[in-house]
Amino acid sequence: MRQPSVNRARVAATSVGLVLALGAAACGPKDNDAKGSGGDSTPHKGGTLTVLDATTGSTENFDPARLYTSGGGNVPSLVFRTLTTRNRESGAAGAKVVPDLATDTGRPNKDATVWTYTLKKGLKYEDGTAITSADIKYGIERSFAPELSGGAPYLRDWLVGAADYQGPYKDKKGLSAIETPDAQTIVFHLNKPEGEFPYLATQTQFTPVPKSKDTGTKYAEHPVSSGPYKVVTNENNGEHIVLDRNKYWSTATDAERKAYPDKVDVKSGLDSSVINQRLSASQGADATSVTVDTNLGPAELAKVTGDKELASRVGTGHFGYTNYIAFNPTVKPFDNVKVRQAISYAIDRSSVINAAGGSALAEAATTYLPNQKSFGYEPYDLFPAGKTGNPAKAKELLAQAGYKNGLTITLTHSNAKNFETSPEIATAIQDALKKAGITVKLQGLEDNDYSDKIHNVKTEPGFFLAHWGADWPSGGPFLAPIFDGRQIVKDGANFNTGLLNDKSVNAEIDAINKLTDLDAAAKRWGALDKKIGEQALTVPLFHPVYKRLVGKDIRNVVISDWTGVLDISQVAVK
């Protein structure tokens, strides 16, 4: 999943744009409450919350069919409710999936190929009409229409008979894999066991859409709200969106969203440095402003750290996201596992982290899975390089591989200034490998060219920088797209960078997918991560840390292990 919400992009599996609310851990403000300059810190209803963003990632194509979110997204989840949603709590508790429109997280049959949901009573749209199971079925079906593409691709793969479905505008019969026996019940029939279906049901494609109000590609201008706010303004395709209260939304049916402000004013396309300056100064409306996509950079963070008042307004989050070196083992000399191992030993993670902005903005990674419980994180370091690399061990392995005099290789990276796949990271790797007798030539490409090159099996280089973020906090959407051999795409966007097609790995992925006990599944994802890691197809480098300012009058800051950024459904402005 790509993540514009942090200005760090990764192409989604469908090569389309998405909205993602990042992922994870603690909060900067004490007790999750940015108390600002004093006064009553208790959250109250009322006022206007302003959202200042650098991209239109969370608001562009503001149609539930077209959005690609995690846990329902941030701004989208104020308007669109789904069958399930993320738990709106700080830390690890926030990585759990909970009911939203449904009474529970779903009832699977014995092998998790059929999932049944019952809707809560009293659910209403912004016009007061009742939300029905048929509306959810229709909302999902319209997400298959080519003109409404952009959402998560899973439903096309998971639902029986959905692979070639073209949406209700062309095929009015609909999807027989989704049944609605009555207005409160919806049943999904899947091609294979999927124990993580409750996570998928948080995606905005599960938003109810009344067929009579569907305006096709124009629906984004005024989508019908099922959440606490409705769209009253949508200018320039999400550049400026204003939300007012939906009077028919009720806390009796929604325990997750607090909806404290009376109005939410979202302004996108702003310069990131200007956003941080405005939040820092907190003058006028900026005092009740937040950002969901703009980090503090190294220089800005140094300034903020030296100011006690500003430091108290910084929220810290960790998303399920890994930056790594990828190898293509069909390209020499990376077909030799000892060469891949040598590079793993030679990496100086301290210099890489410095290039990524320092330890406040990046944490060293030796596992592919992020270091969070929900992913099944199992700590391991198969090629211990210490903090600054182990060039002696690297040289030993190179000699065993037939390169006792060293070798010359090319590292492909992006020229984008993203502190991830950019020249700074590439140069740090170049310097570290030089100590092991490896000469690294750098091939910097413009971001689009870089993405096209590394995601095409025919052009994928042997040695390049990559990254991956989870569609939900589990090992499944993290490991399967990268290491399941059946997901290798030969004529499209491919993400299995190591071109791994290991029958035992594929079989274990299938076995874990059958589990509906997500804690048990997590442990097995962790074990599988270590098993794959032994093949040295990647070199995990670091997990990013997100540092974001809030305005001085913001209250009730909640940052979960699912999103990693402030949850605006919890924010109060007075």
Protein backbone atom coordinates (compact mmCIF):
# COMPACT_ATOMS: atom_id res chain seq x y z
CA MET A 1 0.00 0.00 0.00
CA ARG A 2 1.28 3.41 -0.87
CA GLN A 3 1.25 6.10 1.80
CA PRO A 4 0.81 9.71 0.79
CA SER A 5 -0.16 10.49 4.35
CA VAL A 6 3.52 10.66 5.21
CA ASN A 7 4.83 12.03 1.95
CA ARG A 8 6.54 8.66 1.54
CA ALA A 9 5.14 6.91 -1.52
CA ARG A 10 4.95 3.27 -2.45
CA VAL A 11 2.94 2.17 -5.44
CA ALA A 12 -0.12 0.19 -4.46
CA ALA A 13 -0.68 -3.29 -5.79
CA THR A 14 -3.05 -1.93 -8.39
CA SER A 15 -0.74 0.93 -9.44
CA VAL A 16 -3.29 3.49 -8.37
CA GLY A 17 -3.49 6.23 -5.79
CA LEU A 18 -4.76 5.61 -2.32
CA VAL A 19 -5.60 7.10 0.98
CA LEU A 20 -3.86 5.62 3.95
CA ALA A 21 -3.71 6.53 7.53
CA LEU A 22 -0.34 5.21 8.68
CA GLY A 23 0.34 2.93 11.54
CA ALA A 24 1.25 2.94 15.20
CA ALA A 25 2.63 3.46 18.54
CA ALA A 26 2.91 6.04 21.23
CA CYS A 27 1.95 9.65 21.63
CA GLY A 28 4.18 12.61 22.31
CA PRO A 29 1.72 14.69 24.32
CA LYS A 30 1.44 13.43 27.86
CA ASP A 31 -1.54 11.19 28.55
CA ASN A 32 -2.46 11.45 24.86
CA ASP A 33 -3.71 14.98 25.48
CA ALA A 34 -2.07 17.97 23.82
CA LYS A 35 -2.81 20.49 26.55
CA GLY A 36 -1.23 23.39 24.75
CA SER A 37 -1.01 26.64 26.63
CA GLY A 38 -3.14 25.63 29.57
CA GLY A 39 -6.77 25.89 30.57
CA ASP A 40 -9.33 23.13 30.57
CA SER A 41 -7.82 20.05 28.92
CA THR A 42 -11.09 18.09 28.96
CA PRO A 43 -12.36 17.54 25.39
CA HIS A 44 -15.63 19.34 24.63
CA LYS A 45 -17.96 19.45 21.66
CA GLY A 46 -17.96 22.45 19.34
CA GLY A 47 -15.64 24.56 17.22
CA THR A 48 -13.90 23.97 13.91
CA LEU A 49 -11.05 21.55 13.35
CA THR A 50 -8.74 22.50 10.47
CA VAL A 51 -6.66 19.86 8.70
CA LEU A 52 -3.56 21.12 6.88
CA ASP A 53 -2.11 18.59 4.43
CA ALA A 54 0.59 18.60 1.79
CA THR A 55 -1.19 16.15 -0.52
CA THR A 56 -4.79 15.39 -1.44
CA GLY A 57 -4.10 11.75 -0.63
CA SER A 58 -6.95 11.39 1.85
CA THR A 59 -9.50 13.48 -0.07
CA GLU A 60 -8.80 13.12 -3.80
CA ASN A 61 -11.54 11.12 -5.57
CA PHE A 62 -13.58 11.24 -2.37
CA ASP A 63 -15.71 8.26 -3.32
CA PRO A 64 -15.67 5.14 -1.10
CA ALA A 65 -15.21 2.97 -4.19
CA ARG A 66 -12.04 4.80 -5.23
CA LEU A 67 -10.25 5.31 -1.91
CA TYR A 68 -7.51 2.94 -0.75
CA THR A 69 -7.40 3.20 3.03
CA SER A 70 -6.23 1.32 6.08
CA GLY A 71 -8.83 0.99 8.80
CA GLY A 72 -11.16 3.28 6.86
CA GLY A 73 -8.68 6.13 6.57
CA ASN A 74 -8.65 9.36 8.53
CA VAL A 75 -10.75 12.05 6.82
CA PRO A 76 -12.77 9.38 4.95
CA SER A 77 -13.80 7.66 8.18
CA LEU A 78 -15.57 10.84 9.29
CA VAL A 79 -18.02 10.41 6.39
CA PHE A 80 -17.91 6.72 5.52
CA ARG A 81 -18.73 3.97 7.98
CA THR A 82 -17.92 0.35 7.13
CA LEU A 83 -18.81 -3.10 8.45
CA THR A 84 -15.79 -3.04 10.75
CA THR A 85 -13.24 -0.40 11.68
CA ARG A 86 -10.06 0.07 13.66
CA ASN A 87 -10.22 0.39 17.44
CA ARG A 88 -9.82 4.10 18.16
CA GLU A 89 -7.34 3.80 21.04
CA SER A 90 -3.70 4.68 21.50
CA GLY A 91 -0.92 2.13 21.20
CA ALA A 92 -1.30 -1.61 20.69
CA ALA A 93 -5.00 -1.60 21.59
CA GLY A 94 -5.58 0.47 18.47
CA ALA A 95 -4.34 -2.35 16.22
CA LYS A 96 -7.48 -4.38 16.85
CA VAL A 97 -10.43 -4.58 14.47
CA VAL A 98 -13.84 -3.80 15.99
CA PRO A 99 -17.45 -3.63 14.75
CA ASP A 100 -18.71 -0.49 13.03
CA LEU A 101 -21.97 -0.82 11.10
CA ALA A 102 -22.06 -4.50 12.05
CA THR A 103 -22.88 -5.98 15.44
CA ASP A 104 -19.61 -7.94 15.49
CA THR A 105 -16.46 -8.43 13.43
CA GLY A 106 -18.04 -11.21 11.39
CA ARG A 107 -19.09 -14.82 11.83
CA PRO A 108 -17.09 -17.26 9.71
CA ASN A 109 -18.04 -20.77 8.72
CA LYS A 110 -15.74 -23.62 9.70
CA ASP A 111 -13.09 -22.98 7.04
CA ALA A 112 -13.44 -19.16 6.87
CA THR A 113 -14.75 -19.19 3.29
CA VAL A 114 -18.14 -17.73 4.26
CA TRP A 115 -18.50 -14.61 6.43
CA THR A 116 -21.82 -13.34 7.77
CA TYR A 117 -22.57 -9.91 9.23
CA THR A 118 -25.66 -8.45 10.89
CA LEU A 119 -26.17 -4.69 10.82
CA LYS A 120 -26.94 -2.69 13.94
CA LYS A 121 -30.43 -1.31 14.31
CA GLY A 122 -31.11 2.39 13.81
CA LEU A 123 -28.40 3.11 11.21
CA LYS A 124 -29.23 6.14 9.04
CA TYR A 125 -27.80 8.23 6.22
CA GLU A 126 -27.49 12.02 6.32
CA ASP A 127 -31.03 12.33 4.88
CA GLY A 128 -32.55 10.17 7.61
CA THR A 129 -33.20 7.10 5.44
CA ALA A 130 -32.24 3.68 6.76
CA ILE A 131 -28.98 1.96 5.86
CA THR A 132 -29.54 -1.58 4.58
CA SER A 133 -27.41 -4.60 3.73
CA ALA A 134 -28.37 -4.13 0.05
CA ASP A 135 -26.68 -0.70 0.18
CA ILE A 136 -23.43 -2.29 1.35
CA LYS A 137 -23.65 -4.91 -1.39
CA TYR A 138 -24.23 -2.18 -3.97
CA GLY A 139 -21.37 -0.08 -2.60
CA ILE A 140 -19.01 -3.01 -3.03
CA GLU A 141 -20.30 -3.82 -6.51
CA ARG A 142 -19.81 -0.29 -7.81
CA SER A 143 -16.16 -0.43 -6.66
CA PHE A 144 -15.62 -2.97 -9.49
CA ALA A 145 -16.62 -0.44 -12.16
CA PRO A 146 -13.53 0.50 -14.23
CA GLU A 147 -14.42 4.19 -14.03
CA LEU A 148 -14.36 3.97 -10.21
CA SER A 149 -11.07 2.10 -9.87
CA GLY A 150 -8.53 2.89 -7.18
CA GLY A 151 -9.61 0.91 -4.13
CA ALA A 152 -7.96 -2.11 -2.54
CA PRO A 153 -7.78 -5.07 -4.98
CA TYR A 154 -8.56 -7.88 -2.55
CA LEU A 155 -12.29 -8.29 -3.24
CA ARG A 156 -11.69 -9.09 -6.90
CA ASP A 157 -9.40 -11.93 -5.81
CA TRP A 158 -11.30 -13.12 -2.76
CA LEU A 159 -14.98 -13.13 -3.81
CA VAL A 160 -16.31 -16.10 -5.74
CA GLY A 161 -16.83 -15.22 -9.41
CA ALA A 162 -15.58 -11.65 -9.04
CA ALA A 163 -12.43 -11.78 -11.16
CA ASP A 164 -14.07 -10.49 -14.35
CA TYR A 165 -16.96 -8.52 -12.84
CA GLN A 166 -17.25 -5.00 -14.31
CA GLY A 167 -19.59 -3.36 -11.80
CA PRO A 168 -23.34 -2.67 -11.73
CA TYR A 169 -23.35 -0.11 -14.55
CA LYS A 170 -22.40 -2.82 -17.07
CA ASP A 171 -23.61 -5.94 -15.24
CA LYS A 172 -26.87 -5.32 -13.42
CA LYS A 173 -27.04 -8.90 -12.10
CA GLY A 174 -24.51 -8.01 -9.44
CA LEU A 175 -22.21 -10.33 -7.51
CA SER A 176 -23.82 -13.61 -6.50
CA ALA A 177 -20.96 -14.05 -3.99
CA ILE A 178 -22.64 -11.40 -1.80
CA GLU A 179 -26.05 -12.33 -0.44
CA THR A 180 -28.51 -10.11 1.42
CA PRO A 181 -31.24 -12.42 2.75
CA ASP A 182 -32.79 -9.49 4.61
CA ALA A 183 -32.18 -5.80 5.23
CA GLN A 184 -29.95 -6.48 8.23
CA THR A 185 -27.86 -9.42 6.97
CA ILE A 186 -25.03 -9.68 4.44
CA VAL A 187 -23.11 -12.84 3.56
CA PHE A 188 -19.81 -13.10 1.66
CA HIS A 189 -18.67 -16.25 -0.20
CA LEU A 190 -14.91 -16.45 -0.73
CA ASN A 191 -12.72 -18.43 -3.12
CA LYS A 192 -10.45 -19.56 -0.30
CA PRO A 193 -10.14 -19.30 3.48
CA GLU A 194 -9.47 -15.77 4.67
CA GLY A 195 -9.25 -15.47 8.43
CA GLU A 196 -8.42 -11.77 8.12
CA PHE A 197 -11.64 -10.82 6.33
CA PRO A 198 -12.64 -8.58 9.31
CA TYR A 199 -9.59 -6.43 8.52
CA LEU A 200 -10.59 -6.12 4.88
CA ALA A 201 -14.10 -5.07 5.94
CA THR A 202 -12.59 -1.82 7.28
CA GLN A 203 -11.86 -0.66 3.70
CA THR A 204 -14.11 2.09 2.36
CA GLN A 205 -15.42 -0.26 -0.34
CA PHE A 206 -17.63 -1.67 2.44
CA THR A 207 -19.35 1.70 2.82
CA PRO A 208 -23.12 1.63 2.12
CA VAL A 209 -24.15 3.55 -0.99
CA PRO A 210 -27.87 4.08 -1.73
CA LYS A 211 -28.38 3.10 -5.36
CA SER A 212 -30.91 5.88 -5.93
CA LYS A 213 -28.32 8.50 -4.94
CA ASP A 214 -25.42 7.08 -6.97
CA THR A 215 -24.17 9.65 -9.48
CA GLY A 216 -21.28 7.57 -10.82
CA THR A 217 -18.04 9.48 -11.27
CA LYS A 218 -19.66 12.59 -9.77
CA TYR A 219 -20.52 10.84 -6.50
CA ALA A 220 -17.29 12.14 -4.94
CA GLU A 221 -18.65 15.68 -5.07
CA HIS A 222 -21.37 14.79 -2.56
CA PRO A 223 -21.20 11.23 -1.29
CA VAL A 224 -24.07 10.29 1.01
CA SER A 225 -22.76 10.22 4.56
CA SER A 226 -23.16 7.30 6.95
CA GLY A 227 -20.71 8.82 9.44
CA PRO A 228 -20.75 11.74 11.89
CA TYR A 229 -20.05 14.37 9.21
CA LYS A 230 -21.37 15.14 5.74
CA VAL A 231 -19.65 16.85 2.80
CA VAL A 232 -20.88 20.40 2.20
CA THR A 233 -17.94 21.60 0.08
CA ASN A 234 -15.57 19.72 -2.21
CA GLU A 235 -13.41 22.02 -4.32
CA ASN A 236 -10.83 20.99 -6.93
CA ASN A 237 -11.26 17.26 -6.36
CA GLY A 238 -10.47 17.23 -2.66
CA GLU A 239 -8.15 20.22 -2.41
CA HIS A 240 -10.63 21.88 -0.08
CA ILE A 241 -13.29 19.87 1.71
CA VAL A 242 -15.61 21.17 4.40
CA LEU A 243 -17.57 18.79 6.61
CA ASP A 244 -20.56 19.62 8.81
CA ARG A 245 -22.37 17.43 11.29
CA ASN A 246 -24.66 14.68 10.07
CA LYS A 247 -27.62 15.10 12.42
CA TYR A 248 -28.77 11.53 11.84
CA TRP A 249 -25.52 9.98 13.06
CA SER A 250 -25.83 8.65 16.58
CA THR A 251 -23.34 7.64 19.24
CA ALA A 252 -25.82 4.89 20.11
CA THR A 253 -24.66 3.04 16.99
CA ASP A 254 -21.06 4.29 16.90
CA ALA A 255 -18.83 3.79 19.90
CA GLU A 256 -15.63 4.59 17.99
CA ARG A 257 -15.90 8.12 16.60
CA LYS A 258 -16.08 10.95 19.16
CA ALA A 259 -16.92 13.68 16.62
CA TYR A 260 -16.24 16.57 18.98
CA PRO A 261 -15.87 19.48 16.48
CA ASP A 262 -18.95 20.97 14.83
CA LYS A 263 -17.08 21.41 11.55
CA VAL A 264 -13.97 19.98 9.88
CA ASP A 265 -12.15 22.12 7.28
CA VAL A 266 -9.61 20.15 5.20
CA LYS A 267 -7.06 22.10 3.12
CA SER A 268 -4.60 20.15 0.97
CA GLY A 269 -1.81 20.87 -1.49
CA LEU A 270 0.11 23.03 0.97
CA ASP A 271 3.89 23.25 1.29
CA SER A 272 5.05 20.94 4.10
CA SER A 273 7.38 23.54 5.63
CA VAL A 274 4.55 26.06 5.67
CA ILE A 275 2.29 23.54 7.40
CA ASN A 276 4.80 23.04 10.20
CA GLN A 277 5.38 26.78 10.51
CA ARG A 278 1.66 27.40 10.85
CA LEU A 279 1.20 24.64 13.41
CA SER A 280 4.20 25.88 15.35
CA ALA A 281 2.96 29.48 15.48
CA SER A 282 -0.65 28.42 16.14
CA GLN A 283 -2.12 31.80 15.28
CA GLY A 284 -5.87 32.20 14.77
CA ALA A 285 -7.47 29.11 13.19
CA ASP A 286 -4.09 27.38 13.12
CA ALA A 287 -4.34 26.91 16.89
CA THR A 288 -7.05 24.35 16.25
CA SER A 289 -5.29 22.68 13.32
CA VAL A 290 -3.63 19.32 12.74
CA THR A 291 -1.96 17.49 9.86
CA VAL A 292 -2.40 13.88 8.87
CA ASP A 293 0.38 13.72 6.29
CA THR A 294 3.26 16.05 7.18
CA ASN A 295 6.20 15.03 9.32
CA LEU A 296 8.69 17.20 11.09
CA GLY A 297 11.99 17.02 9.23
CA PRO A 298 15.38 16.68 11.00
CA ALA A 299 16.01 20.44 11.17
CA GLU A 300 12.46 21.22 12.27
CA LEU A 301 12.59 18.48 14.89
CA ALA A 302 15.82 19.88 16.34
CA LYS A 303 14.15 23.27 16.73
CA VAL A 304 11.01 21.79 18.29
CA THR A 305 12.99 19.60 20.70
CA GLY A 306 14.62 22.70 22.15
CA ASP A 307 11.26 24.33 22.89
CA LYS A 308 9.37 22.78 25.81
CA GLU A 309 5.99 24.11 24.72
CA LEU A 310 6.39 22.93 21.13
CA ALA A 311 7.77 19.57 22.24
CA SER A 312 4.60 19.01 24.27
CA ARG A 313 2.62 19.29 21.03
CA VAL A 314 4.48 16.60 19.07
CA GLY A 315 2.75 13.27 18.53
CA THR A 316 4.91 10.22 17.79
CA GLY A 317 3.73 7.22 15.78
CA HIS A 318 5.09 4.08 14.17
CA PHE A 319 3.41 2.62 11.11
CA GLY A 320 3.77 -1.00 10.00
CA TYR A 321 6.35 -0.12 7.38
CA THR A 322 9.81 -1.36 6.43
CA ASN A 323 12.51 0.21 4.27
CA TYR A 324 14.86 -2.37 2.80
CA ILE A 325 17.34 -3.40 0.13
CA ALA A 326 15.85 -5.78 -2.43
CA PHE A 327 17.77 -8.37 -4.44
CA ASN A 328 16.77 -9.90 -7.75
CA PRO A 329 18.39 -13.36 -7.56
CA THR A 330 18.08 -13.87 -11.33
CA VAL A 331 20.69 -11.15 -11.86
CA LYS A 332 24.38 -11.92 -11.24
CA PRO A 333 26.08 -11.79 -8.78
CA PHE A 334 22.93 -11.72 -6.61
CA ASP A 335 22.07 -15.27 -7.68
CA ASN A 336 24.74 -16.31 -5.18
CA VAL A 337 23.29 -16.36 -1.67
CA LYS A 338 26.73 -15.71 -0.17
CA VAL A 339 26.92 -12.38 -2.02
CA ARG A 340 23.52 -11.42 -0.61
CA GLN A 341 24.65 -12.49 2.86
CA ALA A 342 27.88 -10.51 2.52
CA ILE A 343 25.97 -7.34 1.74
CA SER A 344 23.70 -8.04 4.73
CA TYR A 345 26.74 -8.20 7.01
CA ALA A 346 28.36 -5.11 5.50
CA ILE A 347 25.43 -2.73 6.07
CA ASP A 348 26.07 0.14 8.47
CA ARG A 349 22.60 0.81 9.86
CA SER A 350 23.79 3.75 11.95
CA SER A 351 24.79 5.67 8.84
CA VAL A 352 21.59 4.64 7.06
CA ILE A 353 19.50 5.91 9.98
CA ASN A 354 21.41 9.17 10.00
CA ALA A 355 20.67 9.52 6.30
CA ALA A 356 16.99 8.91 7.06
CA GLY A 357 16.90 11.84 9.49
CA GLY A 358 18.37 10.37 12.66
CA SER A 359 17.22 7.99 15.37
CA ALA A 360 14.21 10.17 16.22
CA LEU A 361 12.80 9.52 12.73
CA ALA A 362 14.02 5.97 12.00
CA GLU A 363 14.55 2.76 13.96
CA ALA A 364 16.99 0.05 12.86
CA ALA A 365 15.38 -3.06 11.37
CA THR A 366 16.80 -6.58 11.18
CA THR A 367 13.43 -8.26 10.52
CA TYR A 368 11.20 -7.75 7.52
CA LEU A 369 8.05 -7.56 9.64
CA PRO A 370 7.62 -4.35 11.64
CA ASN A 371 8.43 -4.61 15.33
CA GLN A 372 4.84 -4.64 16.57
CA LYS A 373 2.91 -7.45 18.19
CA SER A 374 -0.03 -7.33 15.80
CA PHE A 375 2.27 -8.27 12.90
CA GLY A 376 3.61 -11.29 14.77
CA TYR A 377 7.02 -9.66 15.19
CA GLU A 378 9.67 -12.19 16.20
CA PRO A 379 13.04 -10.55 16.86
CA TYR A 380 15.89 -12.04 14.88
CA ASP A 381 19.14 -10.90 13.33
CA LEU A 382 20.36 -13.60 10.95
CA PHE A 383 23.34 -11.62 9.67
CA PRO A 384 24.45 -9.56 12.68
CA ALA A 385 26.27 -6.50 11.47
CA GLY A 386 26.17 -4.54 14.70
CA LYS A 387 25.47 -0.84 14.51
CA THR A 388 28.19 -0.04 11.99
CA GLY A 389 28.50 -3.18 9.86
CA ASN A 390 30.79 -6.21 9.85
CA PRO A 391 33.06 -5.78 6.80
CA ALA A 392 35.39 -8.60 7.88
CA LYS A 393 32.58 -11.16 7.80
CA ALA A 394 31.37 -9.71 4.50
CA LYS A 395 34.83 -10.13 2.93
CA GLU A 396 34.98 -13.73 4.18
CA LEU A 397 31.69 -14.56 2.48
CA LEU A 398 32.68 -12.76 -0.72
CA ALA A 399 35.82 -14.88 -0.90
CA GLN A 400 33.72 -18.02 -0.48
CA ALA A 401 31.53 -16.78 -3.33
CA GLY A 402 34.57 -16.37 -5.58
CA TYR A 403 35.09 -12.63 -5.14
CA LYS A 404 38.16 -12.50 -2.92
CA ASN A 405 39.24 -9.27 -4.61
CA GLY A 406 35.82 -7.69 -4.14
CA LEU A 407 33.24 -6.82 -6.79
CA THR A 408 31.45 -3.90 -8.42
CA ILE A 409 27.65 -3.64 -8.40
CA THR A 410 24.98 -1.05 -9.19
CA LEU A 411 22.39 0.19 -6.68
CA THR A 412 19.19 1.62 -8.17
CA HIS A 413 17.37 4.28 -6.15
CA SER A 414 14.93 7.12 -6.52
CA ASN A 415 15.96 10.75 -6.78
CA ALA A 416 12.92 11.79 -4.75
CA LYS A 417 13.85 13.50 -1.48
CA ASN A 418 11.90 11.07 0.67
CA PHE A 419 14.59 9.91 3.16
CA GLU A 420 13.75 6.32 2.16
CA THR A 421 14.81 5.31 -1.33
CA SER A 422 16.61 8.57 -2.00
CA PRO A 423 20.26 9.47 -2.73
CA GLU A 424 21.09 9.99 0.96
CA ILE A 425 20.24 6.38 1.80
CA ALA A 426 21.98 5.07 -1.31
CA THR A 427 25.17 6.97 -0.49
CA ALA A 428 25.22 5.59 3.06
CA ILE A 429 25.01 2.07 1.67
CA GLN A 430 27.70 2.85 -0.90
CA ASP A 431 30.09 4.02 1.83
CA ALA A 432 29.43 1.00 4.06
CA LEU A 433 29.94 -1.58 1.33
CA LYS A 434 33.19 0.05 0.24
CA LYS A 435 34.71 -1.06 3.55
CA ALA A 436 33.94 -4.65 2.58
CA GLY A 437 35.60 -4.31 -0.83
CA ILE A 438 32.36 -3.79 -2.71
CA THR A 439 32.29 -0.87 -5.12
CA VAL A 440 28.75 0.45 -5.53
CA LYS A 441 27.75 2.53 -8.53
CA LEU A 442 24.59 4.55 -7.97
CA GLN A 443 21.78 4.69 -10.51
CA GLY A 444 19.37 7.43 -9.52
CA LEU A 445 16.05 7.63 -11.38
CA GLU A 446 13.18 10.06 -11.30
CA ASP A 447 10.50 8.69 -9.01
CA ASN A 448 8.06 7.48 -11.69
CA ASP A 449 10.86 5.88 -13.72
CA TYR A 450 12.22 4.24 -10.59
CA SER A 451 8.82 2.82 -9.68
CA ASP A 452 8.20 1.53 -13.20
CA LYS A 453 11.60 -0.12 -13.33
CA ILE A 454 11.59 -1.95 -10.00
CA HIS A 455 7.99 -3.18 -10.31
CA ASN A 456 8.44 -4.74 -13.74
CA VAL A 457 9.77 -8.31 -13.83
CA LYS A 458 11.42 -7.63 -17.20
CA THR A 459 13.34 -4.56 -16.01
CA GLU A 460 13.81 -5.20 -12.28
CA PRO A 461 17.45 -4.49 -11.35
CA GLY A 462 19.53 -6.85 -9.25
CA PHE A 463 20.09 -4.47 -6.33
CA PHE A 464 17.75 -1.64 -5.37
CA LEU A 465 16.03 0.24 -2.56
CA ALA A 466 12.42 -0.60 -1.74
CA HIS A 467 9.80 -0.26 0.98
CA TRP A 468 6.47 -1.76 1.99
CA GLY A 469 3.60 -0.76 4.24
CA ALA A 470 0.71 -2.86 5.49
CA ASP A 471 -2.91 -2.50 4.39
CA TRP A 472 -3.82 -3.56 7.93
CA PRO A 473 -1.74 -4.46 11.01
CA SER A 474 -1.01 -8.11 10.30
CA GLY A 475 1.72 -10.18 8.74
CA GLY A 476 -0.60 -11.28 5.93
CA PRO A 477 -0.70 -8.16 3.74
CA PHE A 478 2.95 -7.64 4.59
CA LEU A 479 4.49 -10.98 3.65
CA ALA A 480 2.13 -12.38 1.01
CA PRO A 481 2.48 -9.66 -1.69
CA ILE A 482 6.29 -9.77 -1.39
CA PHE A 483 6.99 -13.48 -0.93
CA ASP A 484 4.03 -15.51 -2.22
CA GLY A 485 5.16 -16.98 -5.55
CA ARG A 486 1.61 -17.04 -6.86
CA GLN A 487 1.55 -13.25 -6.64
CA ILE A 488 4.40 -12.77 -9.09
CA VAL A 489 2.99 -10.58 -11.86
CA LYS A 490 4.78 -11.01 -15.19
CA ASP A 491 2.81 -8.49 -17.23
CA GLY A 492 1.99 -5.80 -14.68
CA ALA A 493 3.06 -4.26 -11.39
CA ASN A 494 5.02 -6.92 -9.49
CA PHE A 495 5.98 -6.62 -5.83
CA ASN A 496 7.56 -10.03 -5.21
CA THR A 497 10.96 -8.44 -5.68
CA GLY A 498 12.92 -11.60 -4.89
CA LEU A 499 10.76 -13.58 -7.34
CA LEU A 500 10.39 -16.17 -4.58
CA ASN A 501 8.17 -19.12 -5.42
CA ASP A 502 8.81 -21.52 -2.55
CA LYS A 503 6.11 -24.19 -2.20
CA SER A 504 6.61 -24.44 1.56
CA VAL A 505 6.25 -20.66 1.95
CA ASN A 506 3.13 -20.62 -0.24
CA ALA A 507 1.63 -23.50 1.75
CA GLU A 508 2.28 -21.79 5.07
CA ILE A 509 0.64 -18.60 3.83
CA ASP A 510 -2.44 -20.65 2.93
CA ALA A 511 -2.43 -22.39 6.29
CA ILE A 512 -2.22 -19.13 8.24
CA ASN A 513 -4.99 -17.58 6.15
CA LYS A 514 -7.33 -20.29 7.42
CA LEU A 515 -6.91 -19.12 11.01
CA THR A 516 -9.61 -16.89 12.48
CA ASP A 517 -7.67 -16.66 15.76
CA LEU A 518 -5.65 -13.60 14.80
CA ASP A 519 -3.25 -13.91 17.76
CA ALA A 520 -2.38 -17.46 16.70
CA ALA A 521 -1.99 -16.28 13.13
CA ALA A 522 0.35 -13.49 14.21
CA LYS A 523 2.77 -15.95 15.83
CA ARG A 524 2.97 -17.96 12.64
CA TRP A 525 3.51 -14.87 10.51
CA GLY A 526 6.49 -14.07 12.73
CA ALA A 527 7.94 -17.55 12.32
CA LEU A 528 7.44 -17.38 8.56
CA ASP A 529 9.22 -14.02 8.44
CA LYS A 530 12.31 -15.62 9.98
CA LYS A 531 12.15 -18.60 7.62
CA ILE A 532 12.02 -16.32 4.59
CA GLY A 533 14.75 -14.12 6.04
CA GLU A 534 17.18 -17.04 5.92
CA GLN A 535 17.18 -16.80 2.13
CA ALA A 536 18.62 -13.25 2.31
CA LEU A 537 16.34 -11.87 -0.39
CA THR A 538 16.13 -8.53 1.40
CA VAL A 539 18.19 -6.49 3.81
CA PRO A 540 15.83 -4.76 6.26
CA LEU A 541 17.19 -1.28 7.00
CA PHE A 542 14.80 0.70 9.16
CA HIS A 543 11.24 1.39 10.22
CA PRO A 544 10.20 5.07 9.98
CA VAL A 545 9.01 7.08 12.97
CA TYR A 546 6.46 9.84 12.47
CA LYS A 547 6.71 13.11 14.38
CA ARG A 548 3.88 15.58 13.87
CA LEU A 549 2.89 18.85 15.43
CA VAL A 550 -0.63 19.79 16.49
CA GLY A 551 -2.05 23.25 17.13
CA LYS A 552 -1.87 24.59 20.68
CA ASP A 553 -5.62 24.27 21.28
CA ILE A 554 -5.96 20.66 20.13
CA ARG A 555 -7.21 18.19 22.72
CA ASN A 556 -7.48 14.41 22.96
CA VAL A 557 -4.60 13.25 20.77
CA VAL A 558 -4.92 9.53 20.02
CA ILE A 559 -2.29 7.71 17.94
CA SER A 560 -2.72 3.99 17.46
CA ASP A 561 -0.58 1.08 16.36
CA TRP A 562 -2.84 0.83 13.32
CA THR A 563 -2.47 4.33 11.92
CA GLY A 564 0.61 5.91 13.48
CA VAL A 565 -0.92 9.35 13.09
CA LEU A 566 -3.37 11.42 15.06
CA ASP A 567 -6.91 10.07 14.70
CA ILE A 568 -9.06 13.07 13.82
CA SER A 569 -12.23 11.22 14.80
CA GLN A 570 -11.05 11.61 18.42
CA VAL A 571 -9.80 15.22 18.35
CA ALA A 572 -11.43 18.09 20.22
CA VAL A 573 -10.65 21.76 19.71
CA LYS A 574 -11.87 23.18 23.01
